[in-house]
Amino acid sequence: MPEPREPDGAIAPTGAGGAMDLATTEGTTLEKTPGGPEGTGPSAPARSLWSDAWRELRRNPIFIISGLIIIFLVFISLWPSLIASGNPLDCDLANAQKGSTSGHPFGFDGQGCDVYTRTVYGARASVTVGVCATLGVAILGSVLGGLAGFFGGVWDAILSRITDVFFAIPVVLGGLVLLSVVTSNTVWPVIGFMVLLGWPQLSRIARGSVITAKQNDYVQAARALGASNSRMLLRHIAPNAVAPVIVVATIALGTYIALEATLSYLGVGLKPPTVSWGIDISAASQYIRNAPHMLLWPAGALAITVLAFIMLGDAVRDALDPKLR
């Protein structure tokens, strides 16, 4: 009598060896699947924090919108003459406070200058101050805070007390006192003031991030293997501690642009003949009832610029913080 056969496609009962063979077969199948579901299979390439953040940013509409606005601002800051053919310093008192006319869509200010041209050229000073101040604050604050957090001890205590002193100085009041004695018409005194009073915030962020990073196991392993302080700081700690600094610096860039406009409005920031949104807003404030367009366009450009950088900072923060995903 013939022995009974298993139906085709059925799984015959197996012992421990059969279960291992089945697991091996399933593992081989997963490895043959390119990347697995959504690129998470065993054969998927390893991704770093920065590559994951870039993937998240590309899918974030806030990042795309703010990035396009910032690219446009940088473009008109570098080449304003491409979209504004006039000279921002060419004024005609006969056109003072006139509204929109052919060839002058934004009208004229109190001196007869074209508001559109001045609004376009005003982006250069604001973006220059914001970018340069942010770079200076980020470099100085990161270096001082990172070294204090890594070495600790007396240097950390001294830096903490120094930052406490700077935090006690009101920014606007400090600007009124320090910049009131400056007679230069360039942007560098304003940038220097922002770096002087802005580095303590980035310093504390960098210090806390370095203290957290140096307690990780891979840093302790590198120390046990005899890695030097410079190697541990540059190769192991800094790449993993820089993300919070980037987020805060990106948001602070918009804040510095608004601070420049505030100081220029108060008369201690940028000074004529420099073209600045803050200067134009200050000049237009006394004509707000008779010619509101003089205030509307530079103030609107300033608000959009600050909002774009804050939105960019929020998007970067969400991408670099896995807890917010």
Foldseek 3Di string as FASTA:
>chain_A
DDDDDDDPPDDDDDDPVVVVVVVVVVLVVQCPPQCPPPNPTPNRDDDDLVRQLVVLLVPDVLNVVLVVVVVVLVVLLVPVCVPPVDDQPDADCVQALPQADVPQRLGAHRRRGRLVSLLSNQSNLLLVLLVLLLVLLLVVLLVQLLVCLLPPDPSVVVLVVVLVVLVPDDLLVVLCVPLVPDDDQDQVVLSVSSSVSRNSVLNNLNSVLQNVQCPDPVNVVCVVVPHDPVCCSPPRRCVRRCLVSVLVSLLVSLVSSVVLLVCVLVPRHHDPPRRHLSVQLNSCPVVCVPRVSSNPSSVVSSVSNSVSSNSNSVSSVCSSDPVND
